Amino acid sequence: MFGFDKMFDFNRDGKLDSWERAAQFQFMDEMMKDDEKSILDDDDEIDTFADAGLDYDELEFMDP
């Protein structure tokens, strides 16, 4: 059993049953959706700055 699997071994029997595997899959699926959403949000923000003629990377280093 891997370290990450231990987090989903709710009954601590040393193996994952079907319900525990489903919980693990659900968790991983939600994590991937969150990553995908944040990537898309960053792209939208960069496009907005580019449309205004500003460089997003340079703005990160500027003082408010």
C-alpha atoms as a PDB file:
ATOM      1  CA  MET A   1       0.000   0.000   0.000  1.00  0.00           C
ATOM      2  CA  PHE A   2       1.351   3.393  -1.025  1.00  0.00           C
ATOM      3  CA  GLY A   3       1.421   6.422   1.271  1.00  0.00           C
ATOM      4  CA  PHE A   4      -1.384   8.157  -0.591  1.00  0.00           C
ATOM      5  CA  ASP A   5      -3.551   5.014  -0.397  1.00  0.00           C
ATOM      6  CA  LYS A   6      -3.262   5.015   3.390  1.00  0.00           C
ATOM      7  CA  MET A   7      -5.167   8.278   3.484  1.00  0.00           C
ATOM      8  CA  PHE A   8      -8.219   6.484   2.040  1.00  0.00           C
ATOM      9  CA  ASP A   9      -7.965   3.275   4.093  1.00  0.00           C
ATOM     10  CA  PHE A  10     -10.796   4.361   6.381  1.00  0.00           C
ATOM     11  CA  ASN A  11     -11.180   1.031   8.194  1.00  0.00           C
ATOM     12  CA  ARG A  12      -7.374   0.602   8.562  1.00  0.00           C
ATOM     13  CA  ASP A  13      -7.352  -2.991   7.296  1.00  0.00           C
ATOM     14  CA  GLY A  14      -4.341  -2.411   5.029  1.00  0.00           C
ATOM     15  CA  LYS A  15      -6.199  -2.615   1.714  1.00  0.00           C
ATOM     16  CA  LEU A  16      -8.669  -0.456  -0.149  1.00  0.00           C
ATOM     17  CA  ASP A  17     -12.135  -1.840  -0.776  1.00  0.00           C
ATOM     18  CA  SER A  18     -14.336  -0.584  -3.608  1.00  0.00           C
ATOM     19  CA  TRP A  19     -15.866   2.252  -1.555  1.00  0.00           C
ATOM     20  CA  GLU A  20     -12.451   3.498  -0.435  1.00  0.00           C
ATOM     21  CA  ARG A  21     -11.133   3.368  -4.023  1.00  0.00           C
ATOM     22  CA  ALA A  22     -14.198   5.307  -5.191  1.00  0.00           C
ATOM     23  CA  ALA A  23     -13.499   7.972  -2.547  1.00  0.00           C
ATOM     24  CA  GLN A  24      -9.880   8.141  -3.708  1.00  0.00           C
ATOM     25  CA  PHE A  25     -10.959   8.472  -7.354  1.00  0.00           C
ATOM     26  CA  GLN A  26     -13.476  11.198  -6.457  1.00  0.00           C
ATOM     27  CA  PHE A  27     -10.776  13.127  -4.592  1.00  0.00           C
ATOM     28  CA  MET A  28      -8.324  12.888  -7.490  1.00  0.00           C
ATOM     29  CA  ASP A  29     -11.009  13.906  -9.985  1.00  0.00           C
ATOM     30  CA  GLU A  30     -11.854  17.023  -7.946  1.00  0.00           C
ATOM     31  CA  MET A  31      -8.162  17.915  -7.660  1.00  0.00           C
ATOM     32  CA  MET A  32      -7.733  17.677 -11.429  1.00  0.00           C
ATOM     33  CA  LYS A  33     -10.791  19.875 -11.994  1.00  0.00           C
ATOM     34  CA  ASP A  34      -9.410  22.502  -9.598  1.00  0.00           C
ATOM     35  CA  ASP A  35      -6.038  22.483 -11.403  1.00  0.00           C
ATOM     36  CA  GLU A  36      -7.748  22.780 -14.769  1.00  0.00           C
ATOM     37  CA  LYS A  37      -9.919  25.646 -13.551  1.00  0.00           C
ATOM     38  CA  SER A  38      -6.960  27.601 -12.168  1.00  0.00           C
ATOM     39  CA  ILE A  39      -5.014  27.150 -15.402  1.00  0.00           C
ATOM     40  CA  LEU A  40      -7.941  28.509 -17.395  1.00  0.00           C
ATOM     41  CA  ASP A  41      -8.355  31.444 -15.006  1.00  0.00           C
ATOM     42  CA  ASP A  42      -4.696  32.399 -15.445  1.00  0.00           C
ATOM     43  CA  ASP A  43      -5.007  32.279 -19.232  1.00  0.00           C
ATOM     44  CA  ASP A  44      -8.050  34.559 -19.171  1.00  0.00           C
ATOM     45  CA  GLU A  45      -6.216  37.050 -16.966  1.00  0.00           C
ATOM     46  CA  ILE A  46      -3.154  37.041 -19.223  1.00  0.00           C
ATOM     47  CA  ASP A  47      -5.348  37.585 -22.305  1.00  0.00           C
ATOM     48  CA  THR A  48      -7.021  40.568 -20.638  1.00  0.00           C
ATOM     49  CA  PHE A  49      -3.665  42.201 -19.945  1.00  0.00           C
ATOM     50  CA  ALA A  50      -2.389  41.422 -23.454  1.00  0.00           C
ATOM     51  CA  ASP A  51      -5.479  43.008 -24.992  1.00  0.00           C
ATOM     52  CA  ALA A  52      -4.707  46.172 -23.026  1.00  0.00           C
ATOM     53  CA  GLY A  53      -1.108  46.168 -24.300  1.00  0.00           C
ATOM     54  CA  LEU A  54       0.409  45.167 -20.955  1.00  0.00           C
ATOM     55  CA  ASP A  55       2.818  42.339 -20.206  1.00  0.00           C
ATOM     56  CA  TYR A  56       1.472  40.166 -17.370  1.00  0.00           C
ATOM     57  CA  ASP A  57       4.947  38.997 -16.284  1.00  0.00           C
ATOM     58  CA  GLU A  58       6.208  42.560 -15.951  1.00  0.00           C
ATOM     59  CA  LEU A  59       3.149  43.588 -13.935  1.00  0.00           C
ATOM     60  CA  GLU A  60       3.847  40.873 -11.365  1.00  0.00           C
ATOM     61  CA  PHE A  61       7.122  42.572 -10.430  1.00  0.00           C
ATOM     62  CA  MET A  62       5.791  46.123 -10.282  1.00  0.00           C
ATOM     63  CA  ASP A  63       4.859  47.883  -7.060  1.00  0.00           C
ATOM     64  CA  PRO A  64       1.155  48.658  -6.580  1.00  0.00           C
END
